[in-house]
Amino acid sequence: MIAVSVDDVATLKKFRDSLSAPMHFVSDKADVLVKAYDSKGAITGWAKRTTFVIGEGRKVLEVQEGLEALEPAGAIRACSLHKGAAVEKALEPAVKPTWAPDSGR
């Protein structure tokens, strides 16, 4: 799992540390990946929060956007590396959002 953001490296490091996230974060300041995966919002022009699960042959297996992209469980379930009981085991260490939609954050 790799997190990609248009934020700078220092901002991403702070964010990753605040989450104690186990995955690597990559800065895409030049929008190379954002453009390649068509992840810009039509109205705002900003990069959208999107999760792509990419399988063998670089085939996109699952796309999640918005709040759904914050919760890793769906992406883990869609990943071809996790099958059956291995899915539930993979979900155990998944990073959980530190906020709730009704918390006002």
N, C-alpha and C. Protein backbone atom coordinates (compact mmCIF):
# COMPACT_ATOMS: atom_id res chain seq x y z
N MET A 1 0.85 -1.16 0.00
CA MET A 1 0.00 0.00 0.00
C MET A 1 0.90 1.23 0.00
N ILE A 2 0.57 2.16 -0.86
CA ILE A 2 1.32 3.41 -0.95
C ILE A 2 0.32 4.56 -0.96
N ALA A 3 0.55 5.55 -0.13
CA ALA A 3 -0.28 6.75 -0.11
C ALA A 3 0.39 7.80 -0.98
N VAL A 4 -0.38 8.40 -1.88
CA VAL A 4 0.14 9.43 -2.77
C VAL A 4 -0.64 10.70 -2.50
N SER A 5 0.07 11.82 -2.41
CA SER A 5 -0.57 13.10 -2.13
C SER A 5 0.13 14.21 -2.89
N VAL A 6 -0.59 15.28 -3.16
CA VAL A 6 0.03 16.44 -3.79
C VAL A 6 0.69 17.34 -2.75
N ASP A 7 0.59 16.97 -1.48
CA ASP A 7 1.27 17.73 -0.42
C ASP A 7 2.77 17.52 -0.50
N ASP A 8 3.51 18.45 0.09
CA ASP A 8 4.97 18.34 0.08
C ASP A 8 5.43 17.25 1.07
N VAL A 9 6.69 16.86 0.95
CA VAL A 9 7.25 15.76 1.74
C VAL A 9 7.14 16.03 3.24
N ALA A 10 7.45 17.25 3.68
CA ALA A 10 7.41 17.57 5.11
C ALA A 10 5.99 17.43 5.67
N THR A 11 5.00 17.90 4.92
CA THR A 11 3.60 17.78 5.35
C THR A 11 3.19 16.32 5.43
N LEU A 12 3.58 15.53 4.42
CA LEU A 12 3.25 14.11 4.41
C LEU A 12 3.90 13.36 5.56
N LYS A 13 5.14 13.71 5.88
CA LYS A 13 5.82 13.06 7.00
C LYS A 13 5.07 13.32 8.30
N LYS A 14 4.67 14.58 8.51
CA LYS A 14 3.90 14.93 9.71
C LYS A 14 2.59 14.15 9.77
N PHE A 15 1.88 14.11 8.65
CA PHE A 15 0.59 13.42 8.58
C PHE A 15 0.77 11.93 8.83
N ARG A 16 1.76 11.32 8.19
CA ARG A 16 2.02 9.88 8.37
C ARG A 16 2.34 9.58 9.83
N ASP A 17 3.19 10.41 10.42
CA ASP A 17 3.56 10.21 11.82
C ASP A 17 2.35 10.37 12.74
N SER A 18 1.46 11.31 12.44
CA SER A 18 0.29 11.54 13.29
C SER A 18 -0.66 10.34 13.26
N LEU A 19 -0.66 9.61 12.15
CA LEU A 19 -1.52 8.44 12.02
C LEU A 19 -0.83 7.15 12.46
N SER A 20 0.49 7.22 12.63
CA SER A 20 1.30 6.01 12.84
C SER A 20 1.02 5.03 11.70
N ALA A 21 0.92 5.57 10.50
CA ALA A 21 0.58 4.77 9.33
C ALA A 21 1.72 3.85 8.94
N PRO A 22 1.39 2.60 8.61
CA PRO A 22 2.42 1.62 8.27
C PRO A 22 2.92 1.70 6.83
N MET A 23 2.20 2.44 5.96
CA MET A 23 2.57 2.46 4.56
C MET A 23 3.47 3.64 4.21
N HIS A 24 4.05 3.57 3.03
CA HIS A 24 4.88 4.65 2.52
C HIS A 24 3.99 5.76 1.97
N PHE A 25 4.44 7.00 2.10
CA PHE A 25 3.74 8.14 1.53
C PHE A 25 4.65 8.75 0.46
N VAL A 26 4.06 9.09 -0.68
CA VAL A 26 4.80 9.66 -1.80
C VAL A 26 4.20 11.01 -2.16
N SER A 27 5.07 12.01 -2.33
CA SER A 27 4.62 13.34 -2.72
C SER A 27 4.53 13.41 -4.25
N ASP A 28 3.39 13.88 -4.74
CA ASP A 28 3.15 14.03 -6.18
C ASP A 28 2.86 15.50 -6.48
N LYS A 29 3.80 16.37 -6.09
CA LYS A 29 3.61 17.81 -6.27
C LYS A 29 3.38 18.19 -7.73
N ALA A 30 3.91 17.43 -8.67
CA ALA A 30 3.76 17.75 -10.09
C ALA A 30 2.48 17.15 -10.69
N ASP A 31 1.66 16.50 -9.87
CA ASP A 31 0.39 15.92 -10.31
C ASP A 31 0.55 14.82 -11.37
N VAL A 32 1.70 14.16 -11.42
CA VAL A 32 1.93 13.12 -12.43
C VAL A 32 0.96 11.96 -12.23
N LEU A 33 0.88 11.43 -11.01
CA LEU A 33 -0.03 10.31 -10.74
C LEU A 33 -1.48 10.76 -10.70
N VAL A 34 -1.72 11.94 -10.18
CA VAL A 34 -3.09 12.48 -10.14
C VAL A 34 -3.66 12.54 -11.56
N LYS A 35 -2.86 13.01 -12.49
CA LYS A 35 -3.32 13.09 -13.89
C LYS A 35 -3.43 11.70 -14.51
N ALA A 36 -2.46 10.84 -14.25
CA ALA A 36 -2.46 9.49 -14.84
C ALA A 36 -3.68 8.69 -14.42
N TYR A 37 -4.15 8.90 -13.19
CA TYR A 37 -5.30 8.16 -12.67
C TYR A 37 -6.57 9.00 -12.62
N ASP A 38 -6.54 10.15 -13.31
CA ASP A 38 -7.72 11.01 -13.42
C ASP A 38 -8.36 11.27 -12.05
N SER A 39 -7.56 11.75 -11.12
CA SER A 39 -8.02 11.95 -9.74
C SER A 39 -8.19 13.42 -9.36
N LYS A 40 -8.50 14.26 -10.33
CA LYS A 40 -8.77 15.66 -10.02
C LYS A 40 -10.26 15.88 -9.98
N GLY A 41 -10.71 16.65 -9.00
CA GLY A 41 -12.12 17.00 -8.91
C GLY A 41 -12.53 17.89 -10.06
N ALA A 42 -13.67 17.62 -10.66
CA ALA A 42 -14.14 18.38 -11.82
C ALA A 42 -14.43 19.84 -11.46
N ILE A 43 -14.96 20.08 -10.27
CA ILE A 43 -15.34 21.43 -9.88
C ILE A 43 -14.17 22.19 -9.26
N THR A 44 -13.48 21.55 -8.29
CA THR A 44 -12.42 22.24 -7.56
C THR A 44 -11.09 22.23 -8.29
N GLY A 45 -10.84 21.19 -9.09
CA GLY A 45 -9.54 21.07 -9.74
C GLY A 45 -8.48 20.51 -8.79
N TRP A 46 -8.88 20.21 -7.56
CA TRP A 46 -7.95 19.63 -6.59
C TRP A 46 -7.94 18.12 -6.72
N ALA A 47 -6.87 17.52 -6.24
CA ALA A 47 -6.81 16.05 -6.22
C ALA A 47 -7.89 15.53 -5.28
N LYS A 48 -8.60 14.48 -5.73
CA LYS A 48 -9.64 13.86 -4.91
C LYS A 48 -9.01 12.77 -4.05
N ARG A 49 -9.58 12.56 -2.86
CA ARG A 49 -9.14 11.43 -2.03
C ARG A 49 -9.67 10.16 -2.69
N THR A 50 -8.75 9.37 -3.21
CA THR A 50 -9.12 8.17 -3.96
C THR A 50 -8.20 7.02 -3.57
N THR A 51 -8.77 5.82 -3.46
CA THR A 51 -7.99 4.61 -3.24
C THR A 51 -8.16 3.73 -4.46
N PHE A 52 -7.03 3.31 -5.03
CA PHE A 52 -7.03 2.38 -6.15
C PHE A 52 -6.41 1.08 -5.67
N VAL A 53 -7.06 -0.03 -5.94
CA VAL A 53 -6.46 -1.34 -5.70
C VAL A 53 -6.05 -1.83 -7.08
N ILE A 54 -4.75 -2.05 -7.24
CA ILE A 54 -4.21 -2.42 -8.55
C ILE A 54 -3.68 -3.84 -8.46
N GLY A 55 -4.13 -4.68 -9.37
CA GLY A 55 -3.75 -6.09 -9.36
C GLY A 55 -2.74 -6.43 -10.43
N GLU A 56 -2.67 -7.72 -10.72
CA GLU A 56 -1.73 -8.21 -11.74
C GLU A 56 -1.99 -7.53 -13.08
N GLY A 57 -0.92 -7.32 -13.80
CA GLY A 57 -1.04 -6.68 -15.11
C GLY A 57 -1.46 -5.23 -15.02
N ARG A 58 -1.29 -4.64 -13.82
CA ARG A 58 -1.65 -3.24 -13.57
C ARG A 58 -3.14 -2.96 -13.77
N LYS A 59 -3.95 -4.01 -13.62
CA LYS A 59 -5.40 -3.87 -13.76
C LYS A 59 -5.98 -3.24 -12.50
N VAL A 60 -6.79 -2.20 -12.66
CA VAL A 60 -7.45 -1.56 -11.52
C VAL A 60 -8.62 -2.44 -11.09
N LEU A 61 -8.53 -2.98 -9.87
CA LEU A 61 -9.54 -3.90 -9.35
C LEU A 61 -10.65 -3.20 -8.59
N GLU A 62 -10.34 -2.06 -8.00
CA GLU A 62 -11.30 -1.36 -7.13
C GLU A 62 -10.93 0.11 -7.09
N VAL A 63 -11.93 0.98 -7.09
CA VAL A 63 -11.73 2.41 -6.94
C VAL A 63 -12.68 2.89 -5.85
N GLN A 64 -12.13 3.58 -4.86
CA GLN A 64 -12.95 4.14 -3.78
C GLN A 64 -12.62 5.62 -3.69
N GLU A 65 -13.66 6.43 -3.47
CA GLU A 65 -13.46 7.88 -3.40
C GLU A 65 -14.08 8.46 -2.14
N GLY A 66 -13.62 9.64 -1.77
CA GLY A 66 -14.18 10.38 -0.64
C GLY A 66 -13.99 9.67 0.68
N LEU A 67 -15.03 9.67 1.51
CA LEU A 67 -14.94 9.06 2.84
C LEU A 67 -14.65 7.57 2.77
N GLU A 68 -15.17 6.90 1.75
CA GLU A 68 -14.91 5.48 1.58
C GLU A 68 -13.41 5.20 1.45
N ALA A 69 -12.69 6.12 0.83
CA ALA A 69 -11.25 5.94 0.62
C ALA A 69 -10.45 6.09 1.91
N LEU A 70 -11.06 6.65 2.95
CA LEU A 70 -10.35 6.79 4.23
C LEU A 70 -10.29 5.50 5.03
N GLU A 71 -11.24 4.64 4.82
CA GLU A 71 -11.32 3.38 5.56
C GLU A 71 -10.68 2.28 4.71
N PRO A 72 -9.58 1.68 5.14
CA PRO A 72 -8.85 0.73 4.30
C PRO A 72 -9.48 -0.65 4.15
N ALA A 73 -10.50 -0.98 4.92
CA ALA A 73 -11.06 -2.34 4.91
C ALA A 73 -11.53 -2.77 3.52
N GLY A 74 -12.25 -1.91 2.80
CA GLY A 74 -12.74 -2.27 1.47
C GLY A 74 -11.61 -2.52 0.48
N ALA A 75 -10.58 -1.70 0.55
CA ALA A 75 -9.43 -1.87 -0.34
C ALA A 75 -8.69 -3.17 -0.02
N ILE A 76 -8.56 -3.47 1.26
CA ILE A 76 -7.88 -4.71 1.65
C ILE A 76 -8.67 -5.91 1.17
N ARG A 77 -10.00 -5.86 1.30
CA ARG A 77 -10.84 -6.97 0.83
C ARG A 77 -10.75 -7.14 -0.69
N ALA A 78 -10.58 -6.04 -1.42
CA ALA A 78 -10.52 -6.10 -2.88
C ALA A 78 -9.14 -6.54 -3.40
N CYS A 79 -8.14 -6.47 -2.55
CA CYS A 79 -6.77 -6.78 -2.96
C CYS A 79 -6.62 -8.28 -3.23
N SER A 80 -6.06 -8.61 -4.38
CA SER A 80 -5.90 -10.01 -4.77
C SER A 80 -4.88 -10.74 -3.90
N LEU A 81 -4.10 -10.03 -3.12
CA LEU A 81 -3.12 -10.68 -2.24
C LEU A 81 -3.77 -11.24 -0.98
N HIS A 82 -4.99 -10.80 -0.69
CA HIS A 82 -5.70 -11.23 0.51
C HIS A 82 -6.92 -12.06 0.13
N LYS A 83 -6.91 -13.31 0.53
CA LYS A 83 -8.03 -14.20 0.22
C LYS A 83 -8.52 -14.86 1.50
N GLY A 84 -9.83 -15.08 1.61
CA GLY A 84 -10.43 -15.82 2.72
C GLY A 84 -10.03 -15.31 4.09
N ALA A 85 -9.54 -16.20 4.94
CA ALA A 85 -9.16 -15.85 6.32
C ALA A 85 -8.04 -14.83 6.34
N ALA A 86 -7.23 -14.81 5.29
CA ALA A 86 -6.12 -13.84 5.23
C ALA A 86 -6.64 -12.41 5.21
N VAL A 87 -7.86 -12.19 4.70
CA VAL A 87 -8.44 -10.85 4.67
C VAL A 87 -8.63 -10.33 6.08
N GLU A 88 -9.27 -11.12 6.92
CA GLU A 88 -9.52 -10.67 8.30
C GLU A 88 -8.23 -10.44 9.05
N LYS A 89 -7.22 -11.27 8.81
CA LYS A 89 -5.92 -11.08 9.45
C LYS A 89 -5.29 -9.77 8.97
N ALA A 90 -5.41 -9.49 7.68
CA ALA A 90 -4.85 -8.27 7.10
C ALA A 90 -5.55 -7.03 7.65
N LEU A 91 -6.83 -7.16 8.00
CA LEU A 91 -7.58 -6.02 8.51
C LEU A 91 -7.19 -5.65 9.94
N GLU A 92 -6.64 -6.58 10.69
CA GLU A 92 -6.30 -6.32 12.09
C GLU A 92 -5.43 -5.07 12.29
N PRO A 93 -4.32 -4.92 11.55
CA PRO A 93 -3.48 -3.75 11.79
C PRO A 93 -3.87 -2.52 10.99
N ALA A 94 -5.00 -2.58 10.26
CA ALA A 94 -5.39 -1.47 9.39
C ALA A 94 -5.52 -0.18 10.17
N VAL A 95 -5.03 0.89 9.56
CA VAL A 95 -5.11 2.21 10.17
C VAL A 95 -6.57 2.65 10.18
N LYS A 96 -7.07 3.04 11.31
CA LYS A 96 -8.45 3.51 11.45
C LYS A 96 -8.43 5.04 11.48
N PRO A 97 -9.42 5.68 10.86
CA PRO A 97 -9.48 7.14 10.94
C PRO A 97 -9.58 7.58 12.40
N THR A 98 -8.94 8.68 12.72
CA THR A 98 -8.96 9.18 14.09
C THR A 98 -10.10 10.17 14.30
N TRP A 99 -11.01 10.23 13.37
CA TRP A 99 -12.14 11.15 13.47
C TRP A 99 -13.40 10.39 13.10
N ALA A 100 -14.51 10.98 13.42
CA ALA A 100 -15.80 10.42 13.02
C ALA A 100 -16.53 11.48 12.22
N PRO A 101 -17.33 11.10 11.21
CA PRO A 101 -18.00 12.09 10.37
C PRO A 101 -18.81 13.12 11.16
N ASP A 102 -19.31 12.76 12.33
CA ASP A 102 -20.13 13.71 13.10
C ASP A 102 -19.33 14.46 14.15
N SER A 103 -17.99 14.37 14.10
CA SER A 103 -17.17 15.00 15.13
C SER A 103 -16.90 16.47 14.83
N GLY A 104 -17.29 16.94 13.65
CA GLY A 104 -17.08 18.34 13.31
C GLY A 104 -15.72 18.64 12.74
N ARG A 105 -14.89 17.62 12.50
CA ARG A 105 -13.56 17.84 11.92
C ARG A 105 -13.61 17.76 10.43
